[in-house]
């Protein structure tokens, strides 16, 4: 018999604590307002009705756990949950019968007023403050409802001796249980808040990465435009070169605008325009773009890309990747040095080389190239190299870096040939 009673007791405790499993999903949906109150009411109305339907008979006493879902739901659900939970409890108690409903409603009226008044104060507390508040409210309500009801019945003395005193240990156990319930509630809410904070931090990190990436990529064409505008200020410059420099400035400004448009369209990706890219023509353009920046650094650009080799890809992105490599090579090359562009047509594809005579890198630095926010430059973001690696991979190619300290760096980019038959890359 005792085993059966203990089993029923555990079942009621499980039902009372069951809303904790689902509260985390309700908290994701809403953490305040009428929707939160409605969600909490729906979570606790079932345990409330269940504990009223199946009270526990344990050690000669009747244990009714209705106060636990009633108090917890009211404290966390606010006035909306409090109103509907009490309405459900009173209505269902009238349905069960066996009590003077006027006296019963009078006995629960102070509980309603207390929970309405306690909700705002409860919201101001945190952690253990809420736990002790819930325990105190539970103890007052359990004692108060019995005192008021049997006082109105005119049978207070016998109720105090026969009902209240024997159940004080059980009431204390219920108060401890509601304290545990609130403690677990707070742990869940804290966990959900931490998840939200982590997600917000991740969003801010993505925004900062995107902003840094846009700034880095737009800086390259603007740097080129600035160099050519300086050259255009030379009064001795011929009309042909002036027209050529002006055209390059416009092309670079268009490229900057295209880079910004590409980032703005990340939420709605569109199909890229891909076409046949002649390496001879592309590197002629790239060398011209980098010449002004190289002259400013007192570095010589040597373009040895020749032949009829062609690849398939987006022209703007290819130029962006190669200009990134060339700009990095110029910045790492000391004054009076040189940066060379080479190309070789092999069976597996076109091999493009960017060679500088700079300070070089260690194997550890080479291994970290292409990772976000890693750069060998003091003011570098590392995003330019990351973008370059991604563009080469999107074109079906590979990139390999060889370097030695004091001897310079060689970047080898291998890209598949353009297939004129089907306008796709050869594998």
Protein backbone atom coordinates (compact mmCIF):
# COMPACT_ATOMS: atom_id res chain seq x y z
CA UNK A 1 0.00 0.00 0.00
CA UNK A 2 2.80 2.40 0.90
CA UNK A 3 4.51 1.66 -2.41
CA UNK A 4 1.32 2.58 -4.29
CA UNK A 5 0.98 5.86 -2.34
CA UNK A 6 4.62 6.71 -2.97
CA UNK A 7 4.14 6.02 -6.68
CA UNK A 8 1.15 8.39 -6.82
CA UNK A 9 3.16 11.00 -4.95
CA UNK A 10 6.01 10.81 -7.49
CA UNK A 11 3.52 10.98 -10.36
CA UNK A 12 2.03 14.22 -9.00
CA UNK A 13 5.48 15.70 -8.48
CA UNK A 14 6.39 14.78 -12.07
CA UNK A 15 3.21 16.39 -13.42
CA UNK A 16 3.87 19.57 -11.44
CA UNK A 17 7.44 19.81 -12.77
CA UNK A 18 6.49 18.81 -16.34
CA UNK A 19 5.96 22.42 -17.61
CA UNK A 20 9.67 23.02 -17.06
CA UNK A 21 10.39 20.81 -20.08
CA UNK A 22 8.25 22.96 -22.36
CA UNK A 23 8.80 26.40 -20.86
CA UNK A 24 12.08 26.88 -22.75
CA UNK A 25 10.18 26.66 -26.06
CA UNK A 26 7.54 29.12 -24.84
CA UNK A 27 10.29 31.48 -23.66
CA UNK A 28 11.84 31.44 -27.15
CA UNK A 29 8.46 32.41 -28.59
CA UNK A 30 7.89 35.27 -26.17
CA UNK A 31 9.38 36.39 -22.84
CA UNK A 32 6.85 39.10 -21.94
CA UNK A 33 3.43 40.49 -22.74
CA UNK A 34 0.04 38.85 -23.07
CA UNK A 35 1.37 36.05 -25.26
CA UNK A 36 3.79 35.04 -22.53
CA UNK A 37 0.96 35.07 -19.98
CA UNK A 38 -1.21 32.94 -22.27
CA UNK A 39 1.64 30.49 -22.87
CA UNK A 40 2.30 30.09 -19.13
CA UNK A 41 -1.42 29.57 -18.47
CA UNK A 42 -1.59 26.79 -21.06
CA UNK A 43 1.47 25.15 -19.54
CA UNK A 44 0.09 25.15 -15.98
CA UNK A 45 -3.64 24.66 -16.39
CA UNK A 46 -3.18 20.94 -17.14
CA UNK A 47 -1.05 20.21 -14.00
CA UNK A 48 -3.53 22.28 -11.97
CA UNK A 49 -6.53 20.24 -13.07
CA UNK A 50 -4.62 16.97 -12.84
CA UNK A 51 -3.56 17.53 -9.22
CA UNK A 52 -7.14 18.46 -8.31
CA UNK A 53 -8.50 15.34 -10.00
CA UNK A 54 -5.96 12.92 -8.53
CA UNK A 55 -4.97 14.07 -5.02
CA UNK A 56 -2.43 11.96 -3.16
CA UNK A 57 -3.38 10.01 -0.04
CA UNK A 58 -0.11 9.64 1.84
CA UNK A 59 0.37 8.48 5.45
CA UNK A 60 -3.25 9.10 6.32
CA UNK A 61 -3.35 12.65 4.90
CA UNK A 62 -4.60 14.09 1.64
CA UNK A 63 -2.00 16.05 -0.31
CA UNK A 64 -3.26 18.42 -2.98
CA UNK A 65 -0.50 19.92 -5.15
CA UNK A 66 -2.73 22.48 -6.85
CA UNK A 67 -0.95 25.34 -5.08
CA UNK A 68 2.31 24.61 -6.95
CA UNK A 69 1.13 25.14 -10.55
CA UNK A 70 -1.17 27.91 -9.34
CA UNK A 71 1.56 29.94 -7.64
CA UNK A 72 4.33 29.24 -10.16
CA UNK A 73 2.08 30.00 -13.14
CA UNK A 74 0.80 33.21 -11.54
CA UNK A 75 4.24 34.51 -10.59
CA UNK A 76 5.75 33.89 -14.04
CA UNK A 77 2.65 34.45 -16.18
CA UNK A 78 1.53 37.72 -14.65
CA UNK A 79 -2.07 39.00 -14.28
CA UNK A 80 -3.36 37.16 -17.34
CA UNK A 81 -2.16 33.75 -16.17
CA UNK A 82 -3.27 34.47 -12.59
CA UNK A 83 -6.81 35.39 -13.65
CA UNK A 84 -7.37 32.38 -15.87
CA UNK A 85 -5.67 29.89 -13.54
CA UNK A 86 -7.89 30.93 -10.62
CA UNK A 87 -10.95 30.90 -12.86
CA UNK A 88 -10.09 27.37 -14.03
CA UNK A 89 -9.49 26.23 -10.44
CA UNK A 90 -12.74 27.67 -9.10
CA UNK A 91 -14.78 26.42 -12.04
CA UNK A 92 -13.34 22.91 -11.82
CA UNK A 93 -13.76 22.82 -8.03
CA UNK A 94 -17.43 23.69 -8.46
CA UNK A 95 -17.68 20.86 -11.00
CA UNK A 96 -16.18 18.38 -8.52
CA UNK A 97 -18.61 19.47 -5.79
CA UNK A 98 -18.51 18.73 -2.07
CA UNK A 99 -17.70 22.25 -0.84
CA UNK A 100 -19.52 25.46 -0.02
CA UNK A 101 -18.44 27.45 -3.07
CA UNK A 102 -19.10 30.85 -1.52
CA UNK A 103 -16.83 30.00 1.40
CA UNK A 104 -14.29 28.47 -0.98
CA UNK A 105 -14.21 31.56 -3.20
CA UNK A 106 -13.85 33.75 -0.10
CA UNK A 107 -10.92 31.60 1.07
CA UNK A 108 -9.05 31.90 -2.26
CA UNK A 109 -9.80 35.64 -2.73
CA UNK A 110 -6.85 36.71 -0.50
CA UNK A 111 -4.61 34.39 -2.52
CA UNK A 112 -5.68 36.11 -5.74
CA UNK A 113 -5.00 39.56 -4.32
CA UNK A 114 -1.66 38.47 -2.86
CA UNK A 115 -0.44 37.00 -6.17
CA UNK A 116 -1.55 40.09 -8.10
CA UNK A 117 0.34 42.28 -5.66
CA UNK A 118 3.39 40.00 -5.49
CA UNK A 119 3.94 39.70 -9.26
CA UNK A 120 5.63 43.09 -9.75
CA UNK A 121 7.81 42.66 -6.66
CA UNK A 122 8.68 39.13 -7.81
CA UNK A 123 9.87 40.50 -11.18
CA UNK A 124 12.33 42.80 -9.41
CA UNK A 125 14.04 39.92 -7.63
CA UNK A 126 16.60 37.60 -9.14
CA UNK A 127 17.81 34.09 -8.37
CA UNK A 128 17.42 33.11 -4.71
CA UNK A 129 15.25 36.15 -4.02
CA UNK A 130 12.58 34.67 -6.25
CA UNK A 131 12.99 31.25 -4.68
CA UNK A 132 12.39 32.55 -1.14
CA UNK A 133 9.52 34.75 -2.33
CA UNK A 134 7.74 31.75 -3.88
CA UNK A 135 8.31 29.66 -0.74
CA UNK A 136 6.89 32.40 1.48
CA UNK A 137 3.82 32.90 -0.72
CA UNK A 138 3.18 29.16 -0.83
CA UNK A 139 3.35 28.86 2.96
CA UNK A 140 1.05 31.86 3.55
CA UNK A 141 -1.51 30.70 0.98
CA UNK A 142 -1.62 27.12 2.20
CA UNK A 143 -2.15 28.19 5.82
CA UNK A 144 -4.39 31.15 4.99
CA UNK A 145 -6.82 29.30 2.74
CA UNK A 146 -7.44 26.61 5.37
CA UNK A 147 -7.85 29.17 8.15
CA UNK A 148 -10.28 31.36 6.16
CA UNK A 149 -12.38 28.48 4.82
CA UNK A 150 -12.89 26.63 8.10
CA UNK A 151 -13.25 29.91 9.95
CA UNK A 152 -16.21 30.72 7.73
CA UNK A 153 -17.54 27.21 8.36
CA UNK A 154 -17.45 27.87 12.10
CA UNK A 155 -15.24 24.84 12.67
CA UNK A 156 -11.87 26.48 13.07
CA UNK A 157 -10.71 24.68 16.22
CA UNK A 158 -11.22 21.16 14.89
CA UNK A 159 -9.82 22.15 11.51
CA UNK A 160 -6.72 23.55 13.18
CA UNK A 161 -6.15 20.41 15.25
CA UNK A 162 -7.28 17.78 12.74
CA UNK A 163 -6.19 19.27 9.42
CA UNK A 164 -3.65 22.05 9.80
CA UNK A 165 -1.24 20.76 12.44
CA UNK A 166 -0.86 17.21 11.00
CA UNK A 167 -0.22 18.64 7.53
CA UNK A 168 2.44 21.19 8.52
CA UNK A 169 5.30 18.84 7.50
CA UNK A 170 3.55 18.19 4.17
CA UNK A 171 3.00 21.92 3.66
CA UNK A 172 6.70 22.49 4.36
CA UNK A 173 7.54 19.80 1.80
CA UNK A 174 5.30 21.52 -0.78
CA UNK A 175 7.01 24.84 -0.06
CA UNK A 176 10.38 23.19 -0.60
CA UNK A 177 9.12 21.69 -3.86
CA UNK A 178 7.91 25.03 -5.17
CA UNK A 179 11.30 26.49 -4.21
CA UNK A 180 12.98 23.80 -6.32
CA UNK A 181 10.51 24.50 -9.14
CA UNK A 182 11.32 28.23 -9.16
CA UNK A 183 15.06 27.54 -8.95
CA UNK A 184 14.85 25.33 -12.05
CA UNK A 185 12.70 27.95 -13.75
CA UNK A 186 15.37 30.58 -13.14
CA UNK A 187 18.08 28.25 -14.43
CA UNK A 188 16.12 27.75 -17.66
CA UNK A 189 15.48 31.48 -18.08
CA UNK A 190 19.15 32.24 -17.46
CA UNK A 191 20.16 29.61 -20.01
CA UNK A 192 17.76 31.04 -22.60
CA UNK A 193 19.02 34.58 -21.97
CA UNK A 194 22.59 33.39 -22.40
CA UNK A 195 21.66 31.75 -25.70
CA UNK A 196 20.06 34.97 -26.89
CA UNK A 197 23.12 36.97 -25.85
CA UNK A 198 25.39 34.52 -27.68
CA UNK A 199 23.24 34.74 -30.83
CA UNK A 200 23.26 38.55 -30.63
CA UNK A 201 27.03 38.50 -30.18
CA UNK A 202 27.38 36.21 -33.20
CA UNK A 203 25.21 38.55 -35.26
CA UNK A 204 27.31 41.53 -34.23
CA UNK A 205 30.46 39.59 -35.07
CA UNK A 206 29.10 38.80 -38.55
CA UNK A 207 28.15 42.45 -39.04
CA UNK A 208 31.63 43.60 -38.00
CA UNK A 209 33.26 41.01 -40.27
CA UNK A 210 31.08 42.10 -43.18
CA UNK A 211 31.81 45.78 -42.55
CA UNK A 212 35.56 45.14 -42.32
CA UNK A 213 35.46 43.00 -45.46
CA UNK A 214 33.56 45.66 -47.44
CA UNK A 215 35.95 48.37 -46.27
CA UNK A 216 38.98 46.26 -47.20
CA UNK A 217 37.74 45.32 -50.65
CA UNK A 218 36.53 48.81 -51.54
CA UNK A 219 39.83 50.33 -50.40
CA UNK A 220 41.75 48.59 -53.20
CA UNK A 221 39.98 50.24 -56.17
CA UNK A 222 39.86 53.56 -54.30
CA UNK A 223 43.62 53.37 -53.74
CA UNK A 224 44.12 52.81 -57.45
CA UNK A 225 41.81 55.71 -58.31
CA UNK A 226 43.72 57.97 -55.92
CA UNK A 227 47.03 57.05 -57.58
CA UNK A 228 45.77 57.72 -61.08
CA UNK A 229 44.17 61.02 -60.04
CA UNK A 230 47.57 62.09 -58.73
CA UNK A 231 49.09 61.19 -62.11
CA UNK A 232 46.34 63.12 -63.89
CA UNK A 233 47.47 66.21 -62.01
CA UNK A 234 50.74 66.18 -63.96
CA UNK A 235 50.51 68.99 -66.52
CA UNK A 236 53.06 67.27 -68.75
CA UNK A 237 50.89 64.17 -69.15
CA UNK A 238 49.90 63.43 -72.74
CA UNK A 239 46.28 63.39 -73.91
CA UNK A 240 46.40 59.64 -74.71
CA UNK A 241 47.64 58.69 -71.25
CA UNK A 242 45.23 61.13 -69.64
CA UNK A 243 42.32 59.45 -71.40
CA UNK A 244 43.63 56.00 -70.48
CA UNK A 245 44.04 56.93 -66.80
CA UNK A 246 40.57 58.48 -66.72
CA UNK A 247 39.08 55.28 -68.16
CA UNK A 248 40.89 53.19 -65.54
CA UNK A 249 39.57 55.46 -62.77
CA UNK A 250 36.02 54.98 -64.00
CA UNK A 251 36.48 51.21 -64.26
CA UNK A 252 37.83 51.02 -60.71
CA UNK A 253 34.97 53.12 -59.36
CA UNK A 254 32.56 50.78 -61.13
CA UNK A 255 34.36 47.85 -59.54
CA UNK A 256 34.00 49.42 -56.10
CA UNK A 257 30.30 49.91 -56.75
CA UNK A 258 29.99 46.29 -57.90
CA UNK A 259 31.73 45.05 -54.73
CA UNK A 260 29.24 46.98 -52.59
CA UNK A 261 26.33 45.66 -54.67
CA UNK A 262 27.58 42.10 -54.22
CA UNK A 263 27.62 42.48 -50.44
CA UNK A 264 24.18 44.09 -50.43
CA UNK A 265 22.83 41.17 -52.45
CA UNK A 266 24.06 38.55 -49.96
CA UNK A 267 20.51 38.22 -48.61
CA UNK A 268 19.25 37.66 -52.17
CA UNK A 269 22.04 35.96 -54.07
CA UNK A 270 21.83 36.34 -57.81
CA UNK A 271 23.50 34.31 -60.50
CA UNK A 272 26.97 35.63 -61.27
CA UNK A 273 27.90 36.71 -64.74
CA UNK A 274 30.67 34.32 -65.83
CA UNK A 275 32.60 34.56 -69.04
CA UNK A 276 35.82 33.66 -70.80
CA UNK A 277 38.77 35.51 -69.26
CA UNK A 278 41.95 35.97 -71.29
CA UNK A 279 44.88 35.88 -68.87
CA UNK A 280 46.98 38.15 -71.11
CA UNK A 281 44.30 40.84 -71.18
CA UNK A 282 43.39 40.51 -67.51
CA UNK A 283 46.95 40.83 -66.24
CA UNK A 284 47.60 43.75 -68.57
CA UNK A 285 44.72 45.49 -66.81
CA UNK A 286 45.82 44.32 -63.34
CA UNK A 287 49.40 45.48 -63.89
CA UNK A 288 48.18 48.92 -64.99
CA UNK A 289 45.99 49.16 -61.86
CA UNK A 290 48.84 48.24 -59.55
CA UNK A 291 51.48 50.36 -61.27
CA UNK A 292 50.53 53.60 -59.55
CA UNK A 293 50.50 51.96 -56.12
CA UNK A 294 53.82 50.23 -56.87
CA UNK A 295 55.39 53.54 -57.99
CA UNK A 296 54.27 55.12 -54.74
CA UNK A 297 56.06 52.29 -52.85
CA UNK A 298 59.10 52.49 -55.21
CA UNK A 299 58.45 48.92 -56.37
CA UNK A 300 58.67 47.72 -59.97
CA UNK A 301 55.84 45.67 -61.56
CA UNK A 302 57.04 43.07 -64.10
CA UNK A 303 54.24 41.47 -66.11
CA UNK A 304 55.31 38.29 -67.91
CA UNK A 305 51.87 36.82 -68.42
CA UNK A 306 51.56 35.90 -72.08
CA UNK A 307 49.96 33.31 -74.31
CA UNK A 308 46.39 32.51 -75.35
CA UNK A 309 45.30 30.77 -72.13
CA UNK A 310 41.84 31.56 -70.80
CA UNK A 311 39.78 30.57 -67.76
CA UNK A 312 36.07 30.75 -66.93
CA UNK A 313 34.73 32.96 -64.15
CA UNK A 314 33.46 36.29 -62.95
CA UNK A 315 35.72 39.05 -64.30
CA UNK A 316 35.30 41.44 -61.36
CA UNK A 317 35.98 38.78 -58.74
CA UNK A 318 39.01 37.43 -60.59
CA UNK A 319 40.51 40.91 -60.80
CA UNK A 320 39.69 41.46 -57.14
CA UNK A 321 41.56 38.27 -56.14
CA UNK A 322 44.63 38.98 -58.27
CA UNK A 323 44.82 42.63 -57.21
CA UNK A 324 44.69 41.48 -53.57
CA UNK A 325 47.66 39.18 -54.17
CA UNK A 326 49.55 41.85 -56.09
CA UNK A 327 48.85 44.54 -53.46
CA UNK A 328 50.04 42.24 -50.66
CA UNK A 329 53.19 41.47 -52.63
CA UNK A 330 53.90 45.20 -53.18
CA UNK A 331 53.39 46.00 -49.49
CA UNK A 332 55.77 43.25 -48.39
CA UNK A 333 58.48 44.25 -50.88
CA UNK A 334 61.09 46.77 -49.70
CA UNK A 335 61.82 49.94 -51.63
CA UNK A 336 63.67 49.20 -54.87
CA UNK A 337 62.33 45.64 -55.12
CA UNK A 338 60.15 44.03 -57.77
CA UNK A 339 56.88 42.10 -58.06
CA UNK A 340 56.55 39.73 -61.01
CA UNK A 341 53.52 38.12 -62.66
CA UNK A 342 54.15 34.86 -64.56
CA UNK A 343 51.92 32.34 -66.27
CA UNK A 344 52.50 28.79 -67.52
CA UNK A 345 50.08 26.64 -69.43
CA UNK A 346 50.17 23.09 -68.09
CA UNK A 347 48.02 20.04 -68.75
CA UNK A 348 46.06 20.46 -65.53
CA UNK A 349 45.37 24.17 -66.13
CA UNK A 350 46.91 27.61 -66.18
CA UNK A 351 49.46 28.32 -63.45
CA UNK A 352 49.67 31.96 -62.40
CA UNK A 353 52.51 33.18 -60.23
CA UNK A 354 52.80 36.33 -58.12
CA UNK A 355 56.42 36.61 -56.97
CA UNK A 356 57.86 39.26 -54.67
CA UNK A 357 61.30 39.94 -53.18
CA UNK A 358 59.93 40.85 -49.76
CA UNK A 359 60.63 39.76 -46.20
CA UNK A 360 59.00 36.34 -46.58
CA UNK A 361 56.97 34.29 -44.09
CA UNK A 362 57.49 31.40 -41.70
CA UNK A 363 55.74 28.02 -42.24
CA UNK A 364 53.45 28.85 -39.29
CA UNK A 365 52.37 32.11 -40.93
CA UNK A 366 51.77 30.38 -44.27
CA UNK A 367 49.57 27.77 -42.57
CA UNK A 368 47.31 30.48 -41.14
CA UNK A 369 46.83 32.37 -44.40
CA UNK A 370 43.18 32.53 -45.48
CA UNK A 371 41.77 32.46 -41.95
CA UNK A 372 39.60 35.42 -40.83
CA UNK A 373 41.37 38.30 -39.09
CA UNK A 374 44.86 36.88 -39.57
CA UNK A 375 47.34 39.12 -41.31
CA UNK A 376 51.10 39.52 -41.33
CA UNK A 377 50.64 43.29 -41.70
CA UNK A 378 50.30 45.52 -38.65
CA UNK A 379 47.12 47.19 -39.91
CA UNK A 380 45.81 44.28 -41.97
CA UNK A 381 42.47 42.56 -41.35
CA UNK A 382 43.26 39.26 -43.07
CA UNK A 383 39.94 39.48 -44.91
CA UNK A 384 41.51 40.27 -48.28
CA UNK A 385 43.43 36.98 -48.29
CA UNK A 386 40.32 35.13 -47.10
CA UNK A 387 38.27 36.59 -49.97
CA UNK A 388 41.03 35.75 -52.45
CA UNK A 389 41.18 32.11 -51.34
CA UNK A 390 37.38 31.84 -51.59
CA UNK A 391 37.28 33.32 -55.11
CA UNK A 392 39.96 30.91 -56.35
CA UNK A 393 38.07 27.95 -54.86
CA UNK A 394 34.80 29.13 -56.46
CA UNK A 395 36.56 29.14 -59.83
CA UNK A 396 37.58 25.53 -59.27
CA UNK A 397 41.22 26.40 -58.68
CA UNK A 398 43.83 26.03 -55.99
CA UNK A 399 46.27 28.42 -54.37
CA UNK A 400 49.67 27.51 -52.97
CA UNK A 401 52.07 29.78 -51.09
CA UNK A 402 55.82 29.19 -50.82
CA UNK A 403 58.01 31.55 -48.85
CA UNK A 404 61.27 31.89 -46.95
CA UNK A 405 62.29 34.55 -44.49
CA UNK A 406 64.42 37.17 -46.23
CA UNK A 407 63.95 35.63 -49.71
CA UNK A 408 60.42 36.66 -50.66
CA UNK A 409 57.14 34.88 -51.37
CA UNK A 410 55.66 33.05 -54.36
CA UNK A 411 51.89 32.62 -54.70
CA UNK A 412 50.90 29.96 -57.22
CA UNK A 413 47.29 29.96 -58.46
CA UNK A 414 46.15 27.07 -60.66
CA UNK A 415 42.90 27.50 -62.59
CA UNK A 416 41.19 25.11 -65.06
CA UNK A 417 41.09 26.04 -68.73
CA UNK A 418 38.03 27.58 -70.35
CA UNK A 419 36.11 24.99 -72.37
CA UNK A 420 34.67 26.67 -75.46
CA UNK A 421 32.41 23.71 -76.20
CA UNK A 422 30.15 23.91 -73.15
CA UNK A 423 31.31 27.11 -71.40
CA UNK A 424 32.26 25.14 -68.33
CA UNK A 425 35.55 24.51 -66.61
CA UNK A 426 37.42 21.38 -67.54
CA UNK A 427 37.88 19.04 -64.62
